[in-house]
Amino acid sequence: MKRLLSGVVVGLLLIGASTGRAELTLPAVFSPGAVLQQGMAVPVWGWAEAGAEQPADDIHPQNKFDAGRRLALWALAHDCGRKDLVYSGPLMKDATVEGDRIRIVFDHVGGGLMAARKAGSRDISPPKPVEKLRGFAIAGADREWHGADAVIDGNSVLVSAGAVPEPVAVRYAFSMNPAEANLYNREGLPASPFRTDDW
């Protein structure tokens, strides 16, 4: 009798599971046709910039440690109230044309900006400082992009190129495989790709 009762209960559960329906209610921040826009803030989200640490030919990264660390820092700072943490890499705040160069000012610089390099996509050690910033491009009114020289100046980076005497826009790590991008803060968190143009 006990065995028959168990069989009936399991059968009813299976029938109920196959015909049951659950209603999903999304939080108010989402709508049925939600599309997240580039550059739009969504207060409940964070991100971990993979940057140059993620090779373009490998969609399954070997080094999950760095992305996990950055997500953990973000959660600790935003959800656990740890205001003492540097939880993000440098984010472009402002761009100003200064003669033949453009000054890019950053938020989240922590202990300062640095040019640095990871040993490889499997390396979980902090990035090692290098001499030269890479991954910047600059354009004038003609909208022709040129590789640029970039120099750290406090919490900003000065970007210029001899081929662009009157610059109007800068891009950083703006490619499908930004392998050269090497701007970090002193806490070892990479700068996010950015552009100052909208064309």
N, C-alpha and C. Protein backbone atom coordinates (compact mmCIF):
# COMPACT_ATOMS: atom_id res chain seq x y z
N MET A 1 0.82 -1.19 0.00
CA MET A 1 0.00 0.00 0.00
C MET A 1 0.87 1.26 0.00
N LYS A 2 1.92 1.21 0.81
CA LYS A 2 2.83 2.35 0.89
C LYS A 2 3.50 2.60 -0.46
N ARG A 3 3.86 1.50 -1.13
CA ARG A 3 4.51 1.61 -2.44
C ARG A 3 3.54 2.19 -3.47
N LEU A 4 2.31 1.80 -3.44
CA LEU A 4 1.30 2.31 -4.37
C LEU A 4 1.06 3.80 -4.13
N LEU A 5 0.98 4.20 -2.88
CA LEU A 5 0.78 5.60 -2.53
C LEU A 5 1.97 6.45 -3.01
N SER A 6 3.19 5.95 -2.84
CA SER A 6 4.38 6.66 -3.32
C SER A 6 4.34 6.82 -4.83
N GLY A 7 3.92 5.75 -5.54
CA GLY A 7 3.84 5.82 -6.99
C GLY A 7 2.82 6.84 -7.45
N VAL A 8 1.68 6.92 -6.76
CA VAL A 8 0.64 7.88 -7.11
C VAL A 8 1.13 9.30 -6.87
N VAL A 9 1.81 9.53 -5.77
CA VAL A 9 2.33 10.87 -5.46
C VAL A 9 3.34 11.29 -6.51
N VAL A 10 4.27 10.41 -6.86
CA VAL A 10 5.27 10.73 -7.88
C VAL A 10 4.59 11.00 -9.22
N GLY A 11 3.61 10.18 -9.58
CA GLY A 11 2.88 10.40 -10.82
C GLY A 11 2.18 11.74 -10.86
N LEU A 12 1.54 12.10 -9.77
CA LEU A 12 0.87 13.40 -9.71
C LEU A 12 1.87 14.55 -9.81
N LEU A 13 3.02 14.39 -9.17
CA LEU A 13 4.05 15.43 -9.27
C LEU A 13 4.54 15.60 -10.70
N LEU A 14 4.74 14.46 -11.38
CA LEU A 14 5.20 14.55 -12.77
C LEU A 14 4.15 15.19 -13.67
N ILE A 15 2.90 14.81 -13.48
CA ILE A 15 1.82 15.42 -14.28
C ILE A 15 1.72 16.90 -13.97
N GLY A 16 1.79 17.24 -12.70
CA GLY A 16 1.72 18.65 -12.30
C GLY A 16 2.88 19.46 -12.84
N ALA A 17 4.07 18.85 -12.86
CA ALA A 17 5.26 19.56 -13.35
C ALA A 17 5.16 19.81 -14.84
N SER A 18 4.56 18.88 -15.57
CA SER A 18 4.51 19.05 -17.02
C SER A 18 3.40 20.02 -17.45
N THR A 19 2.36 20.17 -16.62
CA THR A 19 1.27 21.05 -17.00
C THR A 19 1.27 22.36 -16.23
N GLY A 20 2.11 22.46 -15.21
CA GLY A 20 2.14 23.66 -14.39
C GLY A 20 2.74 24.84 -15.14
N ARG A 21 2.41 26.02 -14.67
CA ARG A 21 2.92 27.22 -15.31
C ARG A 21 3.32 28.21 -14.23
N ALA A 22 4.49 28.79 -14.38
CA ALA A 22 4.96 29.78 -13.42
C ALA A 22 4.96 31.15 -14.08
N GLU A 23 4.52 32.14 -13.35
CA GLU A 23 4.56 33.51 -13.83
C GLU A 23 5.86 34.14 -13.35
N LEU A 24 6.57 34.77 -14.23
CA LEU A 24 7.82 35.44 -13.91
C LEU A 24 7.59 36.94 -13.89
N THR A 25 7.91 37.56 -12.78
CA THR A 25 7.77 39.00 -12.67
C THR A 25 9.15 39.61 -12.54
N LEU A 26 9.52 40.44 -13.49
CA LEU A 26 10.83 41.07 -13.47
C LEU A 26 10.81 42.29 -12.56
N PRO A 27 11.97 42.61 -11.95
CA PRO A 27 12.03 43.82 -11.13
C PRO A 27 11.67 45.06 -11.96
N ALA A 28 11.30 46.13 -11.29
CA ALA A 28 10.85 47.35 -11.97
C ALA A 28 11.90 47.96 -12.89
N VAL A 29 13.19 47.63 -12.68
CA VAL A 29 14.24 48.21 -13.52
C VAL A 29 14.16 47.66 -14.95
N PHE A 30 13.47 46.53 -15.13
CA PHE A 30 13.33 45.92 -16.45
C PHE A 30 11.91 46.08 -16.97
N SER A 31 11.77 46.07 -18.27
CA SER A 31 10.45 46.04 -18.88
C SER A 31 10.48 44.91 -19.90
N PRO A 32 9.32 44.46 -20.39
CA PRO A 32 9.32 43.32 -21.32
C PRO A 32 10.18 43.54 -22.55
N GLY A 33 10.31 44.77 -23.03
CA GLY A 33 11.11 45.03 -24.22
C GLY A 33 12.40 45.78 -23.89
N ALA A 34 12.98 45.53 -22.72
CA ALA A 34 14.14 46.29 -22.26
C ALA A 34 15.34 46.08 -23.17
N VAL A 35 16.02 47.17 -23.48
CA VAL A 35 17.27 47.14 -24.21
C VAL A 35 18.24 48.01 -23.43
N LEU A 36 19.37 47.43 -23.02
CA LEU A 36 20.35 48.22 -22.28
C LEU A 36 21.16 49.05 -23.27
N GLN A 37 21.27 50.32 -23.01
CA GLN A 37 21.94 51.23 -23.92
C GLN A 37 23.38 51.45 -23.50
N GLN A 38 24.27 51.62 -24.47
CA GLN A 38 25.66 51.91 -24.20
C GLN A 38 25.77 53.20 -23.39
N GLY A 39 26.49 53.14 -22.30
CA GLY A 39 26.72 54.33 -21.51
C GLY A 39 25.60 54.69 -20.54
N MET A 40 24.54 53.90 -20.48
CA MET A 40 23.43 54.18 -19.58
C MET A 40 23.67 53.45 -18.26
N ALA A 41 23.53 54.14 -17.15
CA ALA A 41 23.76 53.54 -15.84
C ALA A 41 22.55 52.70 -15.42
N VAL A 42 22.80 51.50 -14.95
CA VAL A 42 21.79 50.64 -14.36
C VAL A 42 22.29 50.35 -12.95
N PRO A 43 21.67 50.94 -11.91
CA PRO A 43 22.23 50.94 -10.57
C PRO A 43 22.43 49.58 -9.92
N VAL A 44 21.76 48.53 -10.37
CA VAL A 44 21.90 47.23 -9.73
C VAL A 44 22.93 46.35 -10.42
N TRP A 45 23.67 46.89 -11.36
CA TRP A 45 24.62 46.09 -12.12
C TRP A 45 26.04 46.53 -11.85
N GLY A 46 26.97 45.62 -12.02
CA GLY A 46 28.38 45.93 -11.98
C GLY A 46 29.02 45.20 -13.15
N TRP A 47 30.30 45.39 -13.34
CA TRP A 47 30.96 44.67 -14.42
C TRP A 47 32.42 44.43 -14.07
N ALA A 48 32.98 43.48 -14.78
CA ALA A 48 34.38 43.16 -14.64
C ALA A 48 34.98 43.20 -16.03
N GLU A 49 35.76 44.20 -16.31
CA GLU A 49 36.35 44.39 -17.62
C GLU A 49 37.40 43.32 -17.88
N ALA A 50 37.22 42.53 -18.94
CA ALA A 50 38.20 41.50 -19.29
C ALA A 50 39.43 42.14 -19.93
N GLY A 51 39.21 43.18 -20.73
CA GLY A 51 40.31 43.93 -21.34
C GLY A 51 41.27 43.05 -22.12
N ALA A 52 42.53 43.41 -22.08
CA ALA A 52 43.55 42.70 -22.86
C ALA A 52 43.84 41.32 -22.30
N GLU A 53 43.31 41.01 -21.12
CA GLU A 53 43.56 39.71 -20.54
C GLU A 53 42.80 38.60 -21.26
N GLN A 54 41.80 38.97 -22.06
CA GLN A 54 40.99 38.00 -22.77
C GLN A 54 41.37 37.97 -24.24
N PRO A 55 42.05 36.90 -24.69
CA PRO A 55 42.41 36.83 -26.11
C PRO A 55 41.18 36.69 -26.99
N ALA A 56 41.20 37.31 -28.15
CA ALA A 56 40.04 37.32 -29.04
C ALA A 56 39.72 35.94 -29.59
N ASP A 57 40.71 35.07 -29.68
CA ASP A 57 40.47 33.75 -30.26
C ASP A 57 40.07 32.71 -29.21
N ASP A 58 39.75 33.13 -28.00
CA ASP A 58 39.38 32.20 -26.94
C ASP A 58 38.16 32.75 -26.20
N ILE A 59 36.97 32.25 -26.57
CA ILE A 59 35.77 32.76 -25.93
C ILE A 59 35.55 32.14 -24.55
N HIS A 60 36.39 31.19 -24.18
CA HIS A 60 36.32 30.57 -22.85
C HIS A 60 37.64 30.85 -22.14
N PRO A 61 37.72 31.97 -21.42
CA PRO A 61 39.00 32.39 -20.85
C PRO A 61 39.56 31.41 -19.83
N GLN A 62 40.88 31.27 -19.84
CA GLN A 62 41.56 30.41 -18.87
C GLN A 62 41.64 31.09 -17.51
N ASN A 63 41.82 32.40 -17.49
CA ASN A 63 41.98 33.14 -16.25
C ASN A 63 40.64 33.74 -15.83
N LYS A 64 39.92 33.02 -14.99
CA LYS A 64 38.65 33.52 -14.46
C LYS A 64 38.87 34.26 -13.14
N PHE A 65 40.06 34.12 -12.60
CA PHE A 65 40.38 34.73 -11.31
C PHE A 65 40.23 36.25 -11.34
N ASP A 66 40.81 36.91 -12.34
CA ASP A 66 40.78 38.37 -12.39
C ASP A 66 39.36 38.92 -12.53
N ALA A 67 38.57 38.33 -13.43
CA ALA A 67 37.18 38.79 -13.58
C ALA A 67 36.40 38.52 -12.30
N GLY A 68 36.60 37.38 -11.68
CA GLY A 68 35.92 37.06 -10.42
C GLY A 68 36.34 38.01 -9.30
N ARG A 69 37.61 38.35 -9.25
CA ARG A 69 38.10 39.29 -8.23
C ARG A 69 37.45 40.66 -8.41
N ARG A 70 37.37 41.12 -9.67
CA ARG A 70 36.76 42.43 -9.91
C ARG A 70 35.27 42.43 -9.57
N LEU A 71 34.57 41.36 -9.88
CA LEU A 71 33.15 41.28 -9.52
C LEU A 71 32.99 41.23 -8.01
N ALA A 72 33.87 40.53 -7.32
CA ALA A 72 33.80 40.46 -5.86
C ALA A 72 34.06 41.84 -5.25
N LEU A 73 35.05 42.57 -5.76
CA LEU A 73 35.31 43.92 -5.26
C LEU A 73 34.10 44.82 -5.46
N TRP A 74 33.47 44.72 -6.64
CA TRP A 74 32.29 45.52 -6.95
C TRP A 74 31.18 45.21 -5.95
N ALA A 75 30.93 43.92 -5.71
CA ALA A 75 29.87 43.53 -4.77
C ALA A 75 30.19 43.98 -3.35
N LEU A 76 31.44 43.82 -2.92
CA LEU A 76 31.81 44.25 -1.57
C LEU A 76 31.59 45.75 -1.39
N ALA A 77 31.95 46.54 -2.40
CA ALA A 77 31.82 47.99 -2.29
C ALA A 77 30.37 48.44 -2.39
N HIS A 78 29.61 47.87 -3.32
CA HIS A 78 28.24 48.35 -3.57
C HIS A 78 27.18 47.67 -2.71
N ASP A 79 27.35 46.40 -2.43
CA ASP A 79 26.31 45.66 -1.72
C ASP A 79 26.63 45.41 -0.26
N CYS A 80 27.90 45.45 0.09
CA CYS A 80 28.30 45.15 1.48
C CYS A 80 28.82 46.39 2.21
N GLY A 81 28.79 47.55 1.55
CA GLY A 81 29.15 48.80 2.21
C GLY A 81 30.63 49.02 2.46
N ARG A 82 31.50 48.31 1.80
CA ARG A 82 32.94 48.47 1.99
C ARG A 82 33.43 49.67 1.18
N LYS A 83 33.32 50.85 1.74
CA LYS A 83 33.68 52.09 1.04
C LYS A 83 35.18 52.28 0.93
N ASP A 84 35.98 51.48 1.63
CA ASP A 84 37.43 51.62 1.63
C ASP A 84 38.08 50.92 0.43
N LEU A 85 37.32 50.20 -0.37
CA LEU A 85 37.88 49.43 -1.48
C LEU A 85 37.94 50.22 -2.78
N VAL A 86 38.99 50.01 -3.54
CA VAL A 86 39.03 50.45 -4.94
C VAL A 86 38.42 49.28 -5.71
N TYR A 87 37.23 49.48 -6.26
CA TYR A 87 36.47 48.37 -6.83
C TYR A 87 36.39 48.41 -8.35
N SER A 88 36.99 49.41 -8.97
CA SER A 88 36.89 49.53 -10.43
C SER A 88 38.21 50.01 -11.00
N GLY A 89 38.46 49.63 -12.23
CA GLY A 89 39.57 50.20 -12.96
C GLY A 89 39.22 51.60 -13.40
N PRO A 90 40.17 52.33 -13.95
CA PRO A 90 39.91 53.71 -14.40
C PRO A 90 38.77 53.78 -15.42
N LEU A 91 37.87 54.74 -15.20
CA LEU A 91 36.77 55.00 -16.12
C LEU A 91 36.89 56.44 -16.61
N MET A 92 36.79 56.63 -17.92
CA MET A 92 36.89 57.99 -18.46
C MET A 92 35.80 58.88 -17.87
N LYS A 93 36.22 60.04 -17.39
CA LYS A 93 35.29 61.00 -16.80
C LYS A 93 35.07 62.19 -17.72
N ASP A 94 36.17 62.69 -18.32
CA ASP A 94 36.07 63.91 -19.11
C ASP A 94 37.21 63.95 -20.13
N ALA A 95 36.99 64.65 -21.21
CA ALA A 95 38.01 64.85 -22.25
C ALA A 95 38.02 66.33 -22.63
N THR A 96 39.22 66.90 -22.68
CA THR A 96 39.38 68.32 -23.01
C THR A 96 40.49 68.47 -24.03
N VAL A 97 40.21 69.21 -25.11
CA VAL A 97 41.24 69.50 -26.11
C VAL A 97 42.14 70.59 -25.56
N GLU A 98 43.46 70.33 -25.60
CA GLU A 98 44.47 71.30 -25.15
C GLU A 98 45.48 71.47 -26.28
N GLY A 99 45.16 72.32 -27.24
CA GLY A 99 46.05 72.54 -28.38
C GLY A 99 46.11 71.33 -29.28
N ASP A 100 47.30 70.70 -29.38
CA ASP A 100 47.48 69.56 -30.27
C ASP A 100 47.33 68.22 -29.56
N ARG A 101 46.72 68.23 -28.37
CA ARG A 101 46.52 66.99 -27.62
C ARG A 101 45.16 67.04 -26.90
N ILE A 102 44.76 65.89 -26.42
CA ILE A 102 43.51 65.79 -25.66
C ILE A 102 43.85 65.21 -24.29
N ARG A 103 43.33 65.86 -23.26
CA ARG A 103 43.52 65.36 -21.89
C ARG A 103 42.28 64.54 -21.51
N ILE A 104 42.53 63.29 -21.11
CA ILE A 104 41.47 62.41 -20.65
C ILE A 104 41.60 62.30 -19.13
N VAL A 105 40.55 62.68 -18.42
CA VAL A 105 40.53 62.60 -16.95
C VAL A 105 39.73 61.37 -16.56
N PHE A 106 40.20 60.67 -15.51
CA PHE A 106 39.59 59.41 -15.10
C PHE A 106 39.05 59.45 -13.68
N ASP A 107 37.99 58.71 -13.46
CA ASP A 107 37.52 58.35 -12.13
C ASP A 107 38.14 56.99 -11.79
N HIS A 108 38.08 56.61 -10.53
CA HIS A 108 38.54 55.31 -10.05
C HIS A 108 40.02 55.07 -10.34
N VAL A 109 40.83 56.08 -10.09
CA VAL A 109 42.27 55.93 -10.30
C VAL A 109 42.96 55.28 -9.10
N GLY A 110 42.28 55.16 -7.97
CA GLY A 110 42.88 54.53 -6.80
C GLY A 110 44.16 55.23 -6.40
N GLY A 111 45.25 54.46 -6.31
CA GLY A 111 46.55 55.01 -5.93
C GLY A 111 47.29 55.67 -7.08
N GLY A 112 46.66 55.76 -8.25
CA GLY A 112 47.28 56.40 -9.40
C GLY A 112 47.17 55.52 -10.64
N LEU A 113 47.47 56.12 -11.78
CA LEU A 113 47.43 55.41 -13.06
C LEU A 113 48.80 54.82 -13.36
N MET A 114 48.82 53.74 -14.14
CA MET A 114 50.10 53.16 -14.57
C MET A 114 49.90 52.40 -15.87
N ALA A 115 50.98 52.32 -16.63
CA ALA A 115 51.04 51.44 -17.80
C ALA A 115 51.55 50.11 -17.26
N ALA A 116 50.84 49.02 -17.58
CA ALA A 116 51.22 47.72 -17.04
C ALA A 116 50.83 46.61 -18.00
N ARG A 117 51.30 45.42 -17.72
CA ARG A 117 51.06 44.28 -18.60
C ARG A 117 50.92 43.02 -17.78
N LYS A 118 49.95 42.18 -18.15
CA LYS A 118 49.83 40.84 -17.58
C LYS A 118 50.73 39.91 -18.38
N ALA A 119 51.24 38.87 -17.74
CA ALA A 119 52.14 37.94 -18.43
C ALA A 119 51.40 37.10 -19.47
N GLY A 120 50.11 36.89 -19.30
CA GLY A 120 49.34 36.10 -20.26
C GLY A 120 47.94 35.88 -19.75
N SER A 121 47.11 35.24 -20.56
CA SER A 121 45.70 35.06 -20.19
C SER A 121 45.51 34.10 -19.03
N ARG A 122 46.52 33.30 -18.71
CA ARG A 122 46.42 32.37 -17.58
C ARG A 122 47.08 32.91 -16.32
N ASP A 123 47.71 34.06 -16.40
CA ASP A 123 48.46 34.62 -15.29
C ASP A 123 47.51 35.32 -14.31
N ILE A 124 47.53 34.90 -13.04
CA ILE A 124 46.66 35.53 -12.04
C ILE A 124 47.43 36.51 -11.15
N SER A 125 48.71 36.70 -11.42
CA SER A 125 49.48 37.66 -10.62
C SER A 125 49.15 39.09 -11.06
N PRO A 126 49.42 40.09 -10.19
CA PRO A 126 49.14 41.49 -10.57
C PRO A 126 49.91 41.89 -11.83
N PRO A 127 49.40 42.86 -12.58
CA PRO A 127 50.12 43.31 -13.78
C PRO A 127 51.43 43.97 -13.40
N LYS A 128 52.43 43.83 -14.26
CA LYS A 128 53.75 44.40 -14.03
C LYS A 128 53.86 45.73 -14.78
N PRO A 129 54.37 46.78 -14.12
CA PRO A 129 54.52 48.08 -14.79
C PRO A 129 55.42 47.98 -16.03
N VAL A 130 55.05 48.74 -17.06
CA VAL A 130 55.84 48.87 -18.27
C VAL A 130 56.03 50.36 -18.55
N GLU A 131 56.87 50.69 -19.52
CA GLU A 131 57.21 52.09 -19.76
C GLU A 131 56.18 52.88 -20.54
N LYS A 132 55.55 52.26 -21.54
CA LYS A 132 54.75 53.04 -22.48
C LYS A 132 53.29 52.60 -22.51
N LEU A 133 52.38 53.59 -22.51
CA LEU A 133 50.96 53.32 -22.70
C LEU A 133 50.69 52.96 -24.16
N ARG A 134 49.80 52.03 -24.36
CA ARG A 134 49.41 51.61 -25.71
C ARG A 134 47.90 51.50 -25.78
N GLY A 135 47.39 51.39 -27.00
CA GLY A 135 45.96 51.17 -27.19
C GLY A 135 45.14 52.42 -27.43
N PHE A 136 45.79 53.59 -27.57
CA PHE A 136 45.08 54.85 -27.81
C PHE A 136 45.10 55.20 -29.28
N ALA A 137 44.01 55.79 -29.75
CA ALA A 137 43.92 56.32 -31.12
C ALA A 137 43.31 57.71 -31.04
N ILE A 138 43.68 58.56 -32.00
CA ILE A 138 43.21 59.95 -31.99
C ILE A 138 42.83 60.35 -33.41
N ALA A 139 41.83 61.24 -33.51
CA ALA A 139 41.37 61.69 -34.83
C ALA A 139 41.09 63.19 -34.80
N GLY A 140 41.21 63.80 -35.98
CA GLY A 140 40.85 65.20 -36.15
C GLY A 140 39.47 65.30 -36.77
N ALA A 141 39.14 66.48 -37.28
CA ALA A 141 37.83 66.72 -37.89
C ALA A 141 37.60 65.84 -39.12
N ASP A 142 38.68 65.34 -39.74
CA ASP A 142 38.55 64.46 -40.91
C ASP A 142 38.09 63.05 -40.54
N ARG A 143 38.03 62.73 -39.26
CA ARG A 143 37.60 61.44 -38.73
C ARG A 143 38.51 60.29 -39.13
N GLU A 144 39.75 60.58 -39.42
CA GLU A 144 40.75 59.57 -39.73
C GLU A 144 41.49 59.22 -38.44
N TRP A 145 41.48 57.95 -38.06
CA TRP A 145 42.10 57.52 -36.81
C TRP A 145 43.57 57.21 -37.00
N HIS A 146 44.38 57.64 -36.01
CA HIS A 146 45.83 57.40 -36.03
C HIS A 146 46.24 56.86 -34.66
N GLY A 147 47.21 55.93 -34.68
CA GLY A 147 47.78 55.47 -33.41
C GLY A 147 48.34 56.67 -32.68
N ALA A 148 48.18 56.71 -31.36
CA ALA A 148 48.53 57.91 -30.61
C ALA A 148 49.58 57.62 -29.54
N ASP A 149 50.32 58.69 -29.19
CA ASP A 149 51.21 58.66 -28.03
C ASP A 149 50.36 59.07 -26.83
N ALA A 150 50.55 58.39 -25.72
CA ALA A 150 49.79 58.71 -24.52
C ALA A 150 50.75 58.74 -23.33
N VAL A 151 50.59 59.77 -22.50
CA VAL A 151 51.46 59.97 -21.34
C VAL A 151 50.59 60.23 -20.12
N ILE A 152 50.90 59.54 -19.03
CA ILE A 152 50.15 59.74 -17.78
C ILE A 152 50.58 61.06 -17.16
N ASP A 153 49.59 61.85 -16.73
CA ASP A 153 49.83 63.13 -16.07
C ASP A 153 48.86 63.22 -14.88
N GLY A 154 49.30 62.74 -13.71
CA GLY A 154 48.43 62.71 -12.53
C GLY A 154 47.29 61.73 -12.74
N ASN A 155 46.04 62.21 -12.59
CA ASN A 155 44.86 61.37 -12.78
C ASN A 155 44.32 61.46 -14.19
N SER A 156 45.17 61.89 -15.11
CA SER A 156 44.73 62.02 -16.50
C SER A 156 45.80 61.46 -17.44
N VAL A 157 45.42 61.34 -18.69
CA VAL A 157 46.33 60.89 -19.75
C VAL A 157 46.27 61.91 -20.87
N LEU A 158 47.45 62.36 -21.33
CA LEU A 158 47.55 63.28 -22.47
C LEU A 158 47.79 62.46 -23.72
N VAL A 159 46.92 62.65 -24.72
CA VAL A 159 46.96 61.85 -25.94
C VAL A 159 47.23 62.78 -27.12
N SER A 160 48.18 62.37 -27.98
CA SER A 160 48.52 63.19 -29.15
C SER A 160 49.12 62.31 -30.25
N ALA A 161 49.18 62.88 -31.44
CA ALA A 161 49.83 62.22 -32.58
C ALA A 161 50.29 63.31 -33.54
N GLY A 162 51.50 63.18 -34.08
CA GLY A 162 52.04 64.16 -35.01
C GLY A 162 51.16 64.34 -36.24
N ALA A 163 50.47 63.29 -36.64
CA ALA A 163 49.63 63.34 -37.84
C ALA A 163 48.30 64.05 -37.58
N VAL A 164 48.02 64.42 -36.32
CA VAL A 164 46.74 65.06 -35.97
C VAL A 164 47.03 66.34 -35.18
N PRO A 165 47.29 67.46 -35.90
CA PRO A 165 47.62 68.71 -35.20
C PRO A 165 46.44 69.35 -34.47
N GLU A 166 45.22 69.06 -34.91
CA GLU A 166 44.02 69.61 -34.27
C GLU A 166 43.06 68.46 -33.93
N PRO A 167 43.31 67.77 -32.83
CA PRO A 167 42.49 66.59 -32.50
C PRO A 167 41.09 66.96 -32.01
N VAL A 168 40.15 66.03 -32.25
CA VAL A 168 38.78 66.23 -31.76
C VAL A 168 38.25 65.01 -30.99
N ALA A 169 38.89 63.86 -31.13
CA ALA A 169 38.36 62.66 -30.47
C ALA A 169 39.47 61.66 -30.16
N VAL A 170 39.22 60.86 -29.11
CA VAL A 170 40.15 59.81 -28.68
C VAL A 170 39.36 58.52 -28.46
N ARG A 171 40.00 57.41 -28.76
CA ARG A 171 39.46 56.10 -28.42
C ARG A 171 40.55 55.31 -27.69
N TYR A 172 40.10 54.45 -26.78
CA TYR A 172 41.05 53.58 -26.06
C TYR A 172 40.51 52.16 -26.08
N ALA A 173 41.38 51.23 -26.46
CA ALA A 173 41.04 49.80 -26.49
C ALA A 173 39.77 49.56 -27.29
N PHE A 174 39.63 50.30 -28.36
CA PHE A 174 38.40 50.28 -29.15
C PHE A 174 38.60 49.40 -30.38
N SER A 175 38.62 48.08 -30.14
CA SER A 175 38.76 47.12 -31.23
C SER A 175 38.22 45.78 -30.77
N MET A 176 38.11 44.85 -31.69
CA MET A 176 37.62 43.52 -31.33
C MET A 176 38.61 42.77 -30.43
N ASN A 177 39.88 43.08 -30.54
CA ASN A 177 40.89 42.43 -29.72
C ASN A 177 41.87 43.49 -29.23
N PRO A 178 41.53 44.17 -28.14
CA PRO A 178 42.39 45.26 -27.66
C PRO A 178 43.62 44.76 -26.91
N ALA A 179 44.41 43.91 -27.57
CA ALA A 179 45.54 43.26 -26.92
C ALA A 179 46.60 44.24 -26.43
N GLU A 180 46.70 45.42 -27.07
CA GLU A 180 47.74 46.37 -26.66
C GLU A 180 47.32 47.21 -25.46
N ALA A 181 46.05 47.27 -25.16
CA ALA A 181 45.56 48.12 -24.07
C ALA A 181 46.27 47.77 -22.77
N ASN A 182 46.85 48.79 -22.11
CA ASN A 182 47.63 48.50 -20.90
C ASN A 182 47.53 49.58 -19.83
N LEU A 183 46.41 50.29 -19.77
CA LEU A 183 46.21 51.30 -18.73
C LEU A 183 45.51 50.65 -17.53
N TYR A 184 46.13 50.79 -16.36
CA TYR A 184 45.61 50.22 -15.11
C TYR A 184 45.67 51.28 -14.02
N ASN A 185 44.97 51.03 -12.90
CA ASN A 185 45.26 51.81 -11.70
C ASN A 185 46.28 51.02 -10.88
N ARG A 186 46.84 51.64 -9.85
CA ARG A 186 47.90 51.00 -9.05
C ARG A 186 47.40 49.76 -8.30
N GLU A 187 46.09 49.62 -8.19
CA GLU A 187 45.53 48.44 -7.55
C GLU A 187 45.45 47.25 -8.51
N GLY A 188 45.89 47.46 -9.76
CA GLY A 188 45.93 46.37 -10.73
C GLY A 188 44.64 46.14 -11.48
N LEU A 189 43.73 47.12 -11.49
CA LEU A 189 42.46 46.97 -12.19
C LEU A 189 42.54 47.71 -13.53
N PRO A 190 42.19 47.05 -14.63
CA PRO A 190 42.35 47.65 -15.96
C PRO A 190 41.32 48.73 -16.26
N ALA A 191 41.72 49.70 -17.07
CA ALA A 191 40.80 50.73 -17.55
C ALA A 191 39.82 50.11 -18.53
N SER A 192 38.60 50.59 -18.52
CA SER A 192 37.59 50.12 -19.47
C SER A 192 37.78 50.83 -20.81
N PRO A 193 37.48 50.14 -21.90
CA PRO A 193 37.53 50.80 -23.22
C PRO A 193 36.58 51.99 -23.25
N PHE A 194 36.94 53.01 -24.03
CA PHE A 194 36.06 54.17 -24.14
C PHE A 194 36.28 54.87 -25.47
N ARG A 195 35.39 55.78 -25.78
CA ARG A 195 35.51 56.66 -26.94
C ARG A 195 34.93 58.00 -26.56
N THR A 196 35.48 59.06 -27.13
CA THR A 196 34.94 60.40 -26.87
C THR A 196 34.08 60.88 -28.03
N ASP A 197 34.08 60.15 -29.12
CA ASP A 197 33.28 60.51 -30.30
C ASP A 197 31.96 59.75 -30.29
N ASP A 198 31.07 60.17 -31.19
CA ASP A 198 29.82 59.43 -31.38
C ASP A 198 29.61 59.09 -32.85
N TRP A 199 30.73 59.01 -33.59
CA TRP A 199 30.61 58.68 -35.01
C TRP A 199 31.39 57.45 -35.34
